[in-house]
Amino acid sequence: MAQVIWTPGALSDINDIASYIALDSSFHAGQQVLRILSAEDLITQFPGGGRMVPEMRNKAFREVILPPYRVIYQFDVRKDVAGILAVIHSRRLLRGALIRRLRA
């Protein structure tokens, strides 16, 4: 079982998502947050199971798709640690600052 660490950037992404959804429904915002947080269970059990992030071209960067969101993480096989780096809408492409944030 891999250890999972949520980065401040990923937690900020979740907060932004919840705030946006809460404009229409605080109930649905809470449900979506719980759904996103459930990715931790999947990653803990199967850290190499997420697909490789196509934009990164590096097998260490993986993602779990929870429509309409992508939970992006970096898995260190040697340490058995997965750092969740970002949660983004699946229609967004990883570009510029976000890619730099992931590689930092």
C-alpha atoms as a PDB file:
ATOM      1  CA  MET A   1       0.000   0.000   0.000  1.00  0.00           C
ATOM      2  CA  ALA A   2       1.389   3.338  -1.043  1.00  0.00           C
ATOM      3  CA  GLN A   3       1.429   6.369   1.176  1.00  0.00           C
ATOM      4  CA  VAL A   4      -0.585   9.222  -0.361  1.00  0.00           C
ATOM      5  CA  ILE A   5       0.255  12.873   0.234  1.00  0.00           C
ATOM      6  CA  TRP A   6      -2.025  15.722  -0.871  1.00  0.00           C
ATOM      7  CA  THR A   7      -0.001  18.765  -1.917  1.00  0.00           C
ATOM      8  CA  PRO A   8      -1.164  22.285  -1.038  1.00  0.00           C
ATOM      9  CA  GLY A   9      -1.816  22.918  -4.745  1.00  0.00           C
ATOM     10  CA  ALA A  10      -4.147  19.914  -5.031  1.00  0.00           C
ATOM     11  CA  LEU A  11      -6.009  20.913  -1.871  1.00  0.00           C
ATOM     12  CA  SER A  12      -6.367  24.430  -3.262  1.00  0.00           C
ATOM     13  CA  ASP A  13      -7.779  22.955  -6.486  1.00  0.00           C
ATOM     14  CA  ILE A  14     -10.385  21.026  -4.474  1.00  0.00           C
ATOM     15  CA  ASN A  15     -11.308  24.161  -2.548  1.00  0.00           C
ATOM     16  CA  ASP A  16     -11.744  26.102  -5.807  1.00  0.00           C
ATOM     17  CA  ILE A  17     -13.895  23.324  -7.285  1.00  0.00           C
ATOM     18  CA  ALA A  18     -16.074  23.193  -4.165  1.00  0.00           C
ATOM     19  CA  SER A  19     -16.480  26.970  -4.107  1.00  0.00           C
ATOM     20  CA  TYR A  20     -17.543  27.020  -7.736  1.00  0.00           C
ATOM     21  CA  ILE A  21     -20.057  24.181  -7.395  1.00  0.00           C
ATOM     22  CA  ALA A  22     -21.390  25.661  -4.136  1.00  0.00           C
ATOM     23  CA  LEU A  23     -22.566  28.704  -6.090  1.00  0.00           C
ATOM     24  CA  ASP A  24     -25.391  26.420  -7.261  1.00  0.00           C
ATOM     25  CA  SER A  25     -25.527  23.766  -4.551  1.00  0.00           C
ATOM     26  CA  SER A  26     -23.549  23.314  -1.351  1.00  0.00           C
ATOM     27  CA  PHE A  27     -24.825  19.717  -1.170  1.00  0.00           C
ATOM     28  CA  HIS A  28     -23.430  18.850  -4.619  1.00  0.00           C
ATOM     29  CA  ALA A  29     -20.195  20.652  -3.799  1.00  0.00           C
ATOM     30  CA  GLY A  30     -19.741  18.418  -0.754  1.00  0.00           C
ATOM     31  CA  GLN A  31     -20.592  15.297  -2.748  1.00  0.00           C
ATOM     32  CA  GLN A  32     -18.035  16.191  -5.425  1.00  0.00           C
ATOM     33  CA  VAL A  33     -15.332  16.836  -2.837  1.00  0.00           C
ATOM     34  CA  LEU A  34     -15.971  13.432  -1.253  1.00  0.00           C
ATOM     35  CA  ARG A  35     -15.803  11.829  -4.689  1.00  0.00           C
ATOM     36  CA  ILE A  36     -12.477  13.506  -5.458  1.00  0.00           C
ATOM     37  CA  LEU A  37     -11.060  12.551  -2.062  1.00  0.00           C
ATOM     38  CA  SER A  38     -12.012   8.921  -2.775  1.00  0.00           C
ATOM     39  CA  ALA A  39      -9.181   8.880  -5.323  1.00  0.00           C
ATOM     40  CA  GLU A  40      -6.855   8.489  -2.352  1.00  0.00           C
ATOM     41  CA  ASP A  41      -8.224   4.998  -1.694  1.00  0.00           C
ATOM     42  CA  LEU A  42      -7.648   3.951  -5.303  1.00  0.00           C
ATOM     43  CA  ILE A  43      -4.135   5.364  -5.352  1.00  0.00           C
ATOM     44  CA  THR A  44      -3.253   3.800  -1.984  1.00  0.00           C
ATOM     45  CA  GLN A  45      -4.317   0.358  -3.190  1.00  0.00           C
ATOM     46  CA  PHE A  46      -3.110   0.602  -6.812  1.00  0.00           C
ATOM     47  CA  PRO A  47      -0.571   3.444  -7.119  1.00  0.00           C
ATOM     48  CA  GLY A  48       0.626   2.310 -10.528  1.00  0.00           C
ATOM     49  CA  GLY A  49      -2.911   1.751 -11.746  1.00  0.00           C
ATOM     50  CA  GLY A  50      -3.625   5.263 -12.910  1.00  0.00           C
ATOM     51  CA  ARG A  51      -2.939   6.047 -16.520  1.00  0.00           C
ATOM     52  CA  MET A  52       0.167   7.951 -17.551  1.00  0.00           C
ATOM     53  CA  VAL A  53      -0.561  11.670 -17.972  1.00  0.00           C
ATOM     54  CA  PRO A  54      -0.292  12.106 -21.757  1.00  0.00           C
ATOM     55  CA  GLU A  55       0.991  15.683 -21.569  1.00  0.00           C
ATOM     56  CA  MET A  56       3.849  14.762 -19.224  1.00  0.00           C
ATOM     57  CA  ARG A  57       5.491  11.923 -21.176  1.00  0.00           C
ATOM     58  CA  ASN A  58       6.853  10.518 -17.921  1.00  0.00           C
ATOM     59  CA  LYS A  59       5.610   7.280 -16.334  1.00  0.00           C
ATOM     60  CA  ALA A  60       5.982   8.716 -12.826  1.00  0.00           C
ATOM     61  CA  PHE A  61       3.116  11.141 -13.509  1.00  0.00           C
ATOM     62  CA  ARG A  62      -0.205   9.306 -13.360  1.00  0.00           C
ATOM     63  CA  GLU A  63      -3.852  10.239 -13.169  1.00  0.00           C
ATOM     64  CA  VAL A  64      -7.149   8.877 -11.970  1.00  0.00           C
ATOM     65  CA  ILE A  65     -10.143  10.050 -13.960  1.00  0.00           C
ATOM     66  CA  LEU A  66     -13.245  10.842 -11.913  1.00  0.00           C
ATOM     67  CA  PRO A  67     -15.409  12.533 -14.534  1.00  0.00           C
ATOM     68  CA  PRO A  68     -15.309  15.414 -15.031  1.00  0.00           C
ATOM     69  CA  TYR A  69     -12.042  15.714 -13.059  1.00  0.00           C
ATOM     70  CA  ARG A  70      -8.485  14.424 -13.385  1.00  0.00           C
ATOM     71  CA  VAL A  71      -6.622  13.683 -10.153  1.00  0.00           C
ATOM     72  CA  ILE A  72      -2.956  13.958 -11.106  1.00  0.00           C
ATOM     73  CA  TYR A  73      -0.243  12.429  -8.975  1.00  0.00           C
ATOM     74  CA  GLN A  74       3.420  11.503  -9.072  1.00  0.00           C
ATOM     75  CA  PHE A  75       4.328   8.031  -7.895  1.00  0.00           C
ATOM     76  CA  ASP A  76       7.787   7.264  -6.511  1.00  0.00           C
ATOM     77  CA  VAL A  77       8.135   3.485  -6.796  1.00  0.00           C
ATOM     78  CA  ARG A  78      11.250   3.331  -4.607  1.00  0.00           C
ATOM     79  CA  LYS A  79       9.614   5.150  -1.692  1.00  0.00           C
ATOM     80  CA  ASP A  80       6.107   3.778  -2.362  1.00  0.00           C
ATOM     81  CA  VAL A  81       4.755   7.335  -2.066  1.00  0.00           C
ATOM     82  CA  ALA A  82       2.216   9.046  -4.291  1.00  0.00           C
ATOM     83  CA  GLY A  83       1.977  12.819  -4.143  1.00  0.00           C
ATOM     84  CA  ILE A  84      -1.313  14.171  -5.437  1.00  0.00           C
ATOM     85  CA  LEU A  85      -0.314  17.268  -7.352  1.00  0.00           C
ATOM     86  CA  ALA A  86      -3.459  18.656  -8.957  1.00  0.00           C
ATOM     87  CA  VAL A  87      -7.166  18.185  -9.527  1.00  0.00           C
ATOM     88  CA  ILE A  88      -8.319  19.715 -12.792  1.00  0.00           C
ATOM     89  CA  HIS A  89     -11.382  19.601 -15.000  1.00  0.00           C
ATOM     90  CA  SER A  90     -10.948  16.958 -17.699  1.00  0.00           C
ATOM     91  CA  ARG A  91     -11.582  19.503 -20.460  1.00  0.00           C
ATOM     92  CA  ARG A  92      -8.529  21.501 -19.421  1.00  0.00           C
ATOM     93  CA  LEU A  93      -5.142  20.686 -20.845  1.00  0.00           C
ATOM     94  CA  LEU A  94      -2.031  20.850 -18.723  1.00  0.00           C
ATOM     95  CA  ARG A  95      -0.191  23.931 -19.882  1.00  0.00           C
ATOM     96  CA  GLY A  96       2.338  26.517 -18.795  1.00  0.00           C
ATOM     97  CA  ALA A  97       2.149  27.254 -15.098  1.00  0.00           C
ATOM     98  CA  LEU A  98       0.297  24.055 -14.261  1.00  0.00           C
ATOM     99  CA  ILE A  99       2.953  21.879 -15.894  1.00  0.00           C
ATOM    100  CA  ARG A 100       5.656  23.874 -14.080  1.00  0.00           C
ATOM    101  CA  ARG A 101       3.747  23.341 -10.815  1.00  0.00           C
ATOM    102  CA  LEU A 102       3.618  19.609 -11.426  1.00  0.00           C
ATOM    103  CA  ARG A 103       7.297  19.337 -12.220  1.00  0.00           C
ATOM    104  CA  ALA A 104       8.376  21.396  -9.190  1.00  0.00           C
END
